[in-house]
Amino acid sequence: ATCDVWGGERARAIPALRAVIAELDRLGSGWSAGHMVYNLAEALRPLPGVGAGLSLRPADIADAMSALSLHQALHDALTGLPNRVLFGTRLSEELSSMASARTSVAVAVMDLDGFKEINDTLGHQFGDVVLQEVAKRVSNCVEGAALLARLGGDEFALLFPSFAARED
């Protein structure tokens, strides 16, 4: 659902909302709805040209929390990458459009060899750092419409949509 109460200020409020959502993702599961509302209000308060800030109605907060819930349902909390659900949805969409668009898709799945030993010997916190670093490095190599997702554990997948179909 969209939030029309912002009117002309919506274009400036949306980046503020996204910043709050990104910060809450960074904080992980330790945040509460009250923390979210406080941060949302603080993010909207200093918008240039708005004066005292925007007043948030319950519908505004519900919209923001709904967007946050959707984001969290479709993204990995540790890496911020799309998760298995979003990857599956995008893959289904690409496969459905393949025939009509005369294109192909490519999928690559990778896991990290020796990752269990990293977790077992150095601890899960270090393992989390390794997963975050892998996500960052692979993301830096992915271009265009390709989608990198963390499927779970040490497993990642890449979806390369819309390759020109080749004749056999």
N, C-alpha and C. Protein backbone atom coordinates (compact mmCIF):
# COMPACT_ATOMS: atom_id res chain seq x y z
N ALA A 1 0.84 -1.18 0.00
CA ALA A 1 0.00 0.00 0.00
C ALA A 1 0.89 1.24 0.00
N THR A 2 0.44 2.27 -0.68
CA THR A 2 1.22 3.50 -0.73
C THR A 2 0.70 4.47 0.32
N CYS A 3 1.50 5.42 0.62
CA CYS A 3 1.16 6.40 1.65
C CYS A 3 1.00 7.76 0.99
N ASP A 4 -0.23 8.19 0.76
CA ASP A 4 -0.49 9.44 0.06
C ASP A 4 -0.47 10.66 0.97
N VAL A 5 -0.39 10.46 2.28
CA VAL A 5 -0.47 11.60 3.19
C VAL A 5 0.75 12.50 3.08
N TRP A 6 1.83 12.03 2.46
CA TRP A 6 3.02 12.85 2.34
C TRP A 6 2.91 13.85 1.20
N GLY A 7 2.01 13.63 0.28
CA GLY A 7 1.82 14.55 -0.84
C GLY A 7 3.12 14.85 -1.55
N GLY A 8 3.44 16.13 -1.72
CA GLY A 8 4.63 16.56 -2.43
C GLY A 8 5.93 16.21 -1.72
N GLU A 9 5.86 15.90 -0.44
CA GLU A 9 7.06 15.59 0.31
C GLU A 9 7.46 14.12 0.17
N ARG A 10 6.62 13.33 -0.49
CA ARG A 10 6.89 11.90 -0.62
C ARG A 10 8.25 11.62 -1.25
N ALA A 11 8.62 12.38 -2.27
CA ALA A 11 9.88 12.14 -2.97
C ALA A 11 11.07 12.29 -2.03
N ARG A 12 10.97 13.17 -1.05
CA ARG A 12 12.06 13.34 -0.09
C ARG A 12 11.92 12.38 1.09
N ALA A 13 10.71 11.94 1.38
CA ALA A 13 10.51 11.06 2.53
C ALA A 13 10.93 9.63 2.24
N ILE A 14 10.74 9.18 1.01
CA ILE A 14 11.06 7.78 0.68
C ILE A 14 12.53 7.46 0.94
N PRO A 15 13.50 8.29 0.51
CA PRO A 15 14.90 7.97 0.86
C PRO A 15 15.12 7.90 2.37
N ALA A 16 14.44 8.75 3.12
CA ALA A 16 14.57 8.71 4.57
C ALA A 16 14.05 7.38 5.12
N LEU A 17 12.92 6.92 4.59
CA LEU A 17 12.37 5.62 5.01
C LEU A 17 13.34 4.50 4.67
N ARG A 18 13.90 4.56 3.47
CA ARG A 18 14.85 3.52 3.07
C ARG A 18 16.07 3.50 3.98
N ALA A 19 16.53 4.68 4.39
CA ALA A 19 17.67 4.75 5.29
C ALA A 19 17.33 4.11 6.64
N VAL A 20 16.12 4.36 7.12
CA VAL A 20 15.70 3.75 8.39
C VAL A 20 15.64 2.24 8.24
N ILE A 21 15.06 1.76 7.14
CA ILE A 21 14.96 0.32 6.92
C ILE A 21 16.35 -0.30 6.84
N ALA A 22 17.27 0.35 6.14
CA ALA A 22 18.64 -0.17 6.05
C ALA A 22 19.29 -0.23 7.42
N GLU A 23 19.07 0.79 8.24
CA GLU A 23 19.64 0.79 9.59
C GLU A 23 19.04 -0.32 10.44
N LEU A 24 17.74 -0.53 10.32
CA LEU A 24 17.11 -1.59 11.09
C LEU A 24 17.59 -2.96 10.63
N ASP A 25 17.82 -3.12 9.34
CA ASP A 25 18.39 -4.37 8.84
C ASP A 25 19.77 -4.58 9.44
N ARG A 26 20.55 -3.51 9.52
CA ARG A 26 21.89 -3.60 10.07
C ARG A 26 21.84 -4.01 11.55
N LEU A 27 20.84 -3.51 12.26
CA LEU A 27 20.71 -3.83 13.68
C LEU A 27 20.28 -5.27 13.91
N GLY A 28 19.64 -5.87 12.92
CA GLY A 28 19.20 -7.26 13.06
C GLY A 28 17.91 -7.36 13.85
N SER A 29 17.72 -8.48 14.49
CA SER A 29 16.45 -8.78 15.13
C SER A 29 16.27 -8.10 16.49
N GLY A 30 17.23 -7.32 16.94
CA GLY A 30 17.14 -6.72 18.25
C GLY A 30 16.29 -5.46 18.32
N TRP A 31 15.70 -5.03 17.22
CA TRP A 31 14.92 -3.80 17.26
C TRP A 31 13.46 -4.12 17.54
N SER A 32 12.76 -3.11 18.03
CA SER A 32 11.34 -3.27 18.35
C SER A 32 10.53 -2.31 17.49
N ALA A 33 9.22 -2.49 17.49
CA ALA A 33 8.35 -1.59 16.73
C ALA A 33 8.50 -0.15 17.24
N GLY A 34 8.66 0.01 18.56
CA GLY A 34 8.85 1.35 19.11
C GLY A 34 10.13 1.98 18.62
N HIS A 35 11.19 1.19 18.53
CA HIS A 35 12.47 1.68 18.02
C HIS A 35 12.30 2.10 16.57
N MET A 36 11.55 1.30 15.81
CA MET A 36 11.32 1.61 14.39
C MET A 36 10.56 2.92 14.25
N VAL A 37 9.51 3.11 15.03
CA VAL A 37 8.71 4.33 14.95
C VAL A 37 9.55 5.54 15.33
N TYR A 38 10.36 5.42 16.39
CA TYR A 38 11.22 6.52 16.80
C TYR A 38 12.19 6.90 15.69
N ASN A 39 12.87 5.90 15.10
CA ASN A 39 13.82 6.17 14.04
C ASN A 39 13.14 6.73 12.80
N LEU A 40 11.95 6.26 12.51
CA LEU A 40 11.20 6.78 11.37
C LEU A 40 10.88 8.25 11.59
N ALA A 41 10.40 8.59 12.77
CA ALA A 41 10.08 9.99 13.07
C ALA A 41 11.33 10.85 13.02
N GLU A 42 12.44 10.36 13.56
CA GLU A 42 13.68 11.12 13.53
C GLU A 42 14.18 11.32 12.10
N ALA A 43 14.03 10.31 11.26
CA ALA A 43 14.50 10.42 9.88
C ALA A 43 13.69 11.44 9.10
N LEU A 44 12.42 11.56 9.39
CA LEU A 44 11.57 12.49 8.65
C LEU A 44 11.64 13.91 9.19
N ARG A 45 12.02 14.08 10.43
CA ARG A 45 12.00 15.41 11.06
C ARG A 45 12.85 16.45 10.33
N PRO A 46 14.08 16.14 9.91
CA PRO A 46 14.92 17.22 9.37
C PRO A 46 14.78 17.46 7.86
N LEU A 47 13.73 16.98 7.23
CA LEU A 47 13.60 17.19 5.79
C LEU A 47 13.62 18.68 5.46
N PRO A 48 14.45 19.10 4.51
CA PRO A 48 14.53 20.52 4.16
C PRO A 48 13.18 21.03 3.65
N GLY A 49 12.82 22.21 4.10
CA GLY A 49 11.60 22.84 3.62
C GLY A 49 10.33 22.31 4.25
N VAL A 50 10.45 21.40 5.21
CA VAL A 50 9.25 20.84 5.82
C VAL A 50 8.98 21.49 7.17
N GLY A 51 9.92 22.27 7.65
CA GLY A 51 9.71 22.95 8.92
C GLY A 51 9.85 22.00 10.08
N ALA A 52 8.80 21.87 10.86
CA ALA A 52 8.85 21.06 12.07
C ALA A 52 8.85 19.56 11.78
N GLY A 53 8.69 19.20 10.54
CA GLY A 53 8.67 17.78 10.20
C GLY A 53 7.29 17.32 9.84
N LEU A 54 7.19 16.09 9.43
CA LEU A 54 5.92 15.52 9.04
C LEU A 54 5.27 14.87 10.24
N SER A 55 3.96 14.97 10.30
CA SER A 55 3.30 14.26 11.38
C SER A 55 2.94 12.88 10.86
N LEU A 56 3.27 11.88 11.62
CA LEU A 56 3.04 10.50 11.20
C LEU A 56 1.71 10.02 11.74
N ARG A 57 0.87 9.58 10.85
CA ARG A 57 -0.40 8.98 11.25
C ARG A 57 -0.19 7.48 11.38
N PRO A 58 -1.05 6.80 12.09
CA PRO A 58 -0.91 5.34 12.20
C PRO A 58 -0.81 4.64 10.85
N ALA A 59 -1.52 5.16 9.84
CA ALA A 59 -1.46 4.54 8.51
C ALA A 59 -0.06 4.67 7.91
N ASP A 60 0.61 5.81 8.18
CA ASP A 60 1.98 6.00 7.69
C ASP A 60 2.91 4.97 8.31
N ILE A 61 2.78 4.80 9.61
CA ILE A 61 3.63 3.85 10.32
C ILE A 61 3.34 2.43 9.86
N ALA A 62 2.06 2.10 9.68
CA ALA A 62 1.69 0.76 9.21
C ALA A 62 2.27 0.51 7.83
N ASP A 63 2.22 1.50 6.94
CA ASP A 63 2.80 1.34 5.60
C ASP A 63 4.30 1.10 5.68
N ALA A 64 4.97 1.87 6.52
CA ALA A 64 6.42 1.71 6.65
C ALA A 64 6.76 0.35 7.24
N MET A 65 6.02 -0.09 8.23
CA MET A 65 6.29 -1.39 8.84
C MET A 65 5.97 -2.52 7.87
N SER A 66 4.94 -2.33 7.06
CA SER A 66 4.61 -3.34 6.05
C SER A 66 5.75 -3.46 5.03
N ALA A 67 6.28 -2.32 4.59
CA ALA A 67 7.40 -2.34 3.66
C ALA A 67 8.62 -2.99 4.30
N LEU A 68 8.86 -2.71 5.57
CA LEU A 68 9.97 -3.30 6.28
C LEU A 68 9.79 -4.82 6.40
N SER A 69 8.59 -5.25 6.73
CA SER A 69 8.32 -6.68 6.86
C SER A 69 8.52 -7.39 5.53
N LEU A 70 8.07 -6.78 4.44
CA LEU A 70 8.25 -7.38 3.12
C LEU A 70 9.73 -7.46 2.78
N HIS A 71 10.46 -6.41 3.06
CA HIS A 71 11.90 -6.40 2.79
C HIS A 71 12.59 -7.52 3.58
N GLN A 72 12.25 -7.65 4.85
CA GLN A 72 12.88 -8.67 5.68
C GLN A 72 12.49 -10.07 5.24
N ALA A 73 11.28 -10.24 4.72
CA ALA A 73 10.84 -11.56 4.26
C ALA A 73 11.58 -11.99 3.00
N LEU A 74 12.10 -11.03 2.24
CA LEU A 74 12.71 -11.33 0.95
C LEU A 74 14.22 -11.16 0.92
N HIS A 75 14.81 -10.80 2.04
CA HIS A 75 16.26 -10.56 2.07
C HIS A 75 16.90 -11.27 3.27
N ASP A 76 18.13 -11.68 3.08
CA ASP A 76 18.91 -12.33 4.11
C ASP A 76 19.34 -11.29 5.15
N ALA A 77 19.09 -11.57 6.41
CA ALA A 77 19.40 -10.61 7.46
C ALA A 77 20.90 -10.38 7.63
N LEU A 78 21.71 -11.38 7.38
CA LEU A 78 23.15 -11.26 7.60
C LEU A 78 23.84 -10.47 6.49
N THR A 79 23.52 -10.80 5.25
CA THR A 79 24.23 -10.20 4.11
C THR A 79 23.47 -9.08 3.43
N GLY A 80 22.16 -9.02 3.65
CA GLY A 80 21.34 -8.03 2.94
C GLY A 80 20.99 -8.44 1.53
N LEU A 81 21.47 -9.61 1.10
CA LEU A 81 21.18 -10.09 -0.25
C LEU A 81 19.75 -10.62 -0.33
N PRO A 82 19.20 -10.68 -1.54
CA PRO A 82 17.93 -11.39 -1.69
C PRO A 82 18.08 -12.81 -1.14
N ASN A 83 16.98 -13.37 -0.64
CA ASN A 83 17.05 -14.71 -0.08
C ASN A 83 16.47 -15.74 -1.05
N ARG A 84 16.33 -16.96 -0.59
CA ARG A 84 15.83 -18.07 -1.40
C ARG A 84 14.44 -17.77 -1.98
N VAL A 85 13.58 -17.15 -1.19
CA VAL A 85 12.22 -16.85 -1.64
C VAL A 85 12.24 -15.88 -2.81
N LEU A 86 12.97 -14.77 -2.67
CA LEU A 86 13.04 -13.79 -3.75
C LEU A 86 13.74 -14.37 -4.98
N PHE A 87 14.78 -15.17 -4.75
CA PHE A 87 15.48 -15.80 -5.87
C PHE A 87 14.51 -16.71 -6.63
N GLY A 88 13.76 -17.52 -5.90
CA GLY A 88 12.79 -18.42 -6.55
C GLY A 88 11.73 -17.66 -7.33
N THR A 89 11.26 -16.57 -6.77
CA THR A 89 10.26 -15.74 -7.46
C THR A 89 10.82 -15.18 -8.75
N ARG A 90 12.02 -14.59 -8.67
CA ARG A 90 12.64 -14.01 -9.88
C ARG A 90 12.94 -15.08 -10.92
N LEU A 91 13.39 -16.25 -10.48
CA LEU A 91 13.67 -17.34 -11.41
C LEU A 91 12.39 -17.79 -12.10
N SER A 92 11.31 -17.93 -11.36
CA SER A 92 10.02 -18.31 -11.95
C SER A 92 9.56 -17.28 -12.97
N GLU A 93 9.71 -16.00 -12.63
CA GLU A 93 9.33 -14.93 -13.57
C GLU A 93 10.14 -15.03 -14.86
N GLU A 94 11.45 -15.23 -14.72
CA GLU A 94 12.31 -15.32 -15.91
C GLU A 94 11.98 -16.55 -16.74
N LEU A 95 11.73 -17.67 -16.09
CA LEU A 95 11.39 -18.88 -16.84
C LEU A 95 10.06 -18.73 -17.57
N SER A 96 9.12 -18.04 -16.95
CA SER A 96 7.82 -17.81 -17.58
C SER A 96 7.93 -16.94 -18.82
N SER A 97 8.83 -15.98 -18.79
CA SER A 97 8.95 -15.05 -19.92
C SER A 97 9.92 -15.53 -20.99
N MET A 98 10.62 -16.62 -20.73
CA MET A 98 11.64 -17.10 -21.67
C MET A 98 11.08 -17.39 -23.05
N ALA A 99 10.02 -18.16 -23.13
CA ALA A 99 9.51 -18.60 -24.42
C ALA A 99 9.04 -17.43 -25.27
N SER A 100 8.28 -16.53 -24.66
CA SER A 100 7.73 -15.42 -25.44
C SER A 100 8.81 -14.42 -25.85
N ALA A 101 9.82 -14.26 -25.04
CA ALA A 101 10.86 -13.28 -25.33
C ALA A 101 12.02 -13.89 -26.12
N ARG A 102 12.00 -15.19 -26.33
CA ARG A 102 13.07 -15.91 -27.02
C ARG A 102 14.43 -15.63 -26.39
N THR A 103 14.45 -15.73 -25.08
CA THR A 103 15.68 -15.55 -24.33
C THR A 103 15.94 -16.79 -23.48
N SER A 104 17.10 -16.84 -22.90
CA SER A 104 17.46 -17.91 -21.97
C SER A 104 17.89 -17.28 -20.66
N VAL A 105 17.92 -18.08 -19.63
CA VAL A 105 18.46 -17.63 -18.35
C VAL A 105 19.60 -18.57 -17.96
N ALA A 106 20.49 -18.07 -17.15
CA ALA A 106 21.57 -18.90 -16.61
C ALA A 106 21.52 -18.81 -15.09
N VAL A 107 21.77 -19.93 -14.46
CA VAL A 107 21.79 -19.99 -13.00
C VAL A 107 23.10 -20.64 -12.58
N ALA A 108 23.77 -20.03 -11.63
CA ALA A 108 24.98 -20.61 -11.04
C ALA A 108 24.75 -20.70 -9.54
N VAL A 109 25.06 -21.86 -8.98
CA VAL A 109 24.93 -22.06 -7.54
C VAL A 109 26.32 -22.38 -7.00
N MET A 110 26.67 -21.74 -5.91
CA MET A 110 27.99 -22.00 -5.33
C MET A 110 27.88 -22.14 -3.83
N ASP A 111 28.76 -22.93 -3.28
CA ASP A 111 28.89 -22.99 -1.83
C ASP A 111 30.36 -22.83 -1.49
N LEU A 112 30.62 -22.57 -0.24
CA LEU A 112 31.98 -22.30 0.19
C LEU A 112 32.60 -23.58 0.76
N ASP A 113 33.58 -24.10 0.06
CA ASP A 113 34.29 -25.28 0.54
C ASP A 113 35.01 -24.95 1.84
N GLY A 114 34.91 -25.84 2.80
CA GLY A 114 35.61 -25.66 4.07
C GLY A 114 34.94 -24.68 5.03
N PHE A 115 33.73 -24.23 4.70
CA PHE A 115 33.09 -23.24 5.57
C PHE A 115 32.74 -23.83 6.94
N LYS A 116 32.34 -25.09 6.99
CA LYS A 116 32.01 -25.71 8.27
C LYS A 116 33.21 -25.67 9.21
N GLU A 117 34.38 -25.91 8.66
CA GLU A 117 35.59 -25.88 9.48
C GLU A 117 35.86 -24.47 10.03
N ILE A 118 35.55 -23.46 9.23
CA ILE A 118 35.72 -22.07 9.70
C ILE A 118 34.81 -21.84 10.90
N ASN A 119 33.54 -22.22 10.77
CA ASN A 119 32.60 -22.05 11.89
C ASN A 119 33.02 -22.86 13.10
N ASP A 120 33.45 -24.10 12.86
CA ASP A 120 33.79 -24.99 13.98
C ASP A 120 35.05 -24.55 14.71
N THR A 121 36.04 -24.06 13.98
CA THR A 121 37.31 -23.72 14.63
C THR A 121 37.40 -22.27 15.07
N LEU A 122 36.83 -21.35 14.28
CA LEU A 122 36.97 -19.93 14.60
C LEU A 122 35.70 -19.32 15.19
N GLY A 123 34.59 -20.03 15.10
CA GLY A 123 33.34 -19.55 15.68
C GLY A 123 32.40 -18.96 14.64
N HIS A 124 31.13 -18.92 15.01
CA HIS A 124 30.10 -18.45 14.10
C HIS A 124 30.22 -16.95 13.78
N GLN A 125 30.72 -16.18 14.72
CA GLN A 125 30.89 -14.74 14.45
C GLN A 125 31.88 -14.53 13.32
N PHE A 126 32.97 -15.28 13.34
CA PHE A 126 33.95 -15.17 12.26
C PHE A 126 33.35 -15.69 10.96
N GLY A 127 32.59 -16.78 11.05
CA GLY A 127 31.91 -17.32 9.88
C GLY A 127 30.96 -16.30 9.26
N ASP A 128 30.27 -15.54 10.11
CA ASP A 128 29.37 -14.49 9.61
C ASP A 128 30.14 -13.43 8.84
N VAL A 129 31.31 -13.07 9.35
CA VAL A 129 32.14 -12.08 8.68
C VAL A 129 32.58 -12.61 7.31
N VAL A 130 32.92 -13.88 7.25
CA VAL A 130 33.31 -14.49 5.97
C VAL A 130 32.14 -14.44 4.99
N LEU A 131 30.94 -14.80 5.44
CA LEU A 131 29.77 -14.76 4.56
C LEU A 131 29.49 -13.34 4.06
N GLN A 132 29.60 -12.36 4.95
CA GLN A 132 29.38 -10.97 4.55
C GLN A 132 30.42 -10.53 3.53
N GLU A 133 31.65 -10.93 3.72
CA GLU A 133 32.72 -10.54 2.80
C GLU A 133 32.53 -11.21 1.44
N VAL A 134 32.15 -12.48 1.43
CA VAL A 134 31.87 -13.17 0.16
C VAL A 134 30.74 -12.47 -0.56
N ALA A 135 29.68 -12.15 0.17
CA ALA A 135 28.54 -11.46 -0.45
C ALA A 135 28.98 -10.13 -1.06
N LYS A 136 29.81 -9.38 -0.34
CA LYS A 136 30.27 -8.08 -0.83
C LYS A 136 31.13 -8.25 -2.08
N ARG A 137 32.06 -9.19 -2.04
CA ARG A 137 32.98 -9.37 -3.17
C ARG A 137 32.27 -9.88 -4.42
N VAL A 138 31.38 -10.84 -4.25
CA VAL A 138 30.66 -11.35 -5.42
C VAL A 138 29.72 -10.27 -5.95
N SER A 139 29.07 -9.53 -5.06
CA SER A 139 28.18 -8.43 -5.50
C SER A 139 28.93 -7.42 -6.35
N ASN A 140 30.18 -7.14 -5.98
CA ASN A 140 30.98 -6.18 -6.75
C ASN A 140 31.30 -6.70 -8.15
N CYS A 141 31.22 -7.99 -8.35
CA CYS A 141 31.52 -8.59 -9.66
C CYS A 141 30.28 -8.78 -10.52
N VAL A 142 29.11 -8.69 -9.92
CA VAL A 142 27.86 -8.94 -10.64
C VAL A 142 27.41 -7.64 -11.31
N GLU A 143 27.08 -7.74 -12.59
CA GLU A 143 26.69 -6.55 -13.34
C GLU A 143 25.26 -6.64 -13.84
N GLY A 144 24.72 -5.49 -14.17
CA GLY A 144 23.42 -5.42 -14.83
C GLY A 144 22.29 -6.02 -14.04
N ALA A 145 21.46 -6.78 -14.74
CA ALA A 145 20.24 -7.32 -14.16
C ALA A 145 20.47 -8.63 -13.41
N ALA A 146 21.71 -9.09 -13.33
CA ALA A 146 21.99 -10.33 -12.62
C ALA A 146 21.60 -10.19 -11.15
N LEU A 147 21.16 -11.29 -10.57
CA LEU A 147 20.72 -11.30 -9.18
C LEU A 147 21.58 -12.27 -8.38
N LEU A 148 22.19 -11.77 -7.33
CA LEU A 148 22.94 -12.61 -6.39
C LEU A 148 22.08 -12.79 -5.16
N ALA A 149 21.91 -14.04 -4.73
CA ALA A 149 21.10 -14.33 -3.55
C ALA A 149 21.85 -15.27 -2.63
N ARG A 150 21.56 -15.15 -1.35
CA ARG A 150 22.06 -16.14 -0.39
C ARG A 150 20.91 -17.10 -0.13
N LEU A 151 21.13 -18.36 -0.48
CA LEU A 151 20.09 -19.36 -0.34
C LEU A 151 20.01 -19.89 1.09
N GLY A 152 21.08 -19.76 1.82
CA GLY A 152 21.13 -20.23 3.20
C GLY A 152 22.50 -20.82 3.49
N GLY A 153 22.87 -20.84 4.75
CA GLY A 153 24.17 -21.39 5.12
C GLY A 153 25.28 -20.75 4.32
N ASP A 154 26.06 -21.60 3.64
CA ASP A 154 27.16 -21.09 2.82
C ASP A 154 26.85 -21.19 1.33
N GLU A 155 25.57 -21.21 1.00
CA GLU A 155 25.15 -21.40 -0.39
C GLU A 155 24.61 -20.09 -0.99
N PHE A 156 25.16 -19.74 -2.14
CA PHE A 156 24.77 -18.54 -2.88
C PHE A 156 24.32 -18.95 -4.28
N ALA A 157 23.51 -18.12 -4.90
CA ALA A 157 23.09 -18.41 -6.27
C ALA A 157 23.10 -17.11 -7.07
N LEU A 158 23.39 -17.25 -8.34
CA LEU A 158 23.37 -16.13 -9.29
C LEU A 158 22.36 -16.44 -10.37
N LEU A 159 21.56 -15.46 -10.69
CA LEU A 159 20.60 -15.57 -11.79
C LEU A 159 20.98 -14.54 -12.83
N PHE A 160 21.25 -15.00 -14.03
CA PHE A 160 21.57 -14.12 -15.15
C PHE A 160 20.39 -14.17 -16.12
N PRO A 161 19.52 -13.18 -16.10
CA PRO A 161 18.33 -13.21 -16.95
C PRO A 161 18.61 -12.71 -18.36
N SER A 162 17.72 -13.05 -19.25
CA SER A 162 17.64 -12.45 -20.58
C SER A 162 18.87 -12.61 -21.44
N PHE A 163 19.41 -13.81 -21.48
CA PHE A 163 20.43 -14.09 -22.47
C PHE A 163 19.74 -14.31 -23.80
N ALA A 164 20.35 -13.86 -24.89
CA ALA A 164 19.77 -14.11 -26.21
C ALA A 164 19.76 -15.62 -26.44
N ALA A 165 18.62 -16.14 -26.90
CA ALA A 165 18.49 -17.57 -27.15
C ALA A 165 19.40 -17.96 -28.31
N ARG A 166 20.04 -19.11 -28.18
CA ARG A 166 20.92 -19.52 -29.27
C ARG A 166 20.26 -20.69 -29.98
N GLU A 167 20.44 -20.69 -31.26
CA GLU A 167 19.86 -21.76 -32.07
C GLU A 167 20.75 -22.98 -32.03
N ASP A 168 20.17 -24.17 -31.83
CA ASP A 168 20.97 -25.39 -31.79
C ASP A 168 21.09 -25.99 -33.18
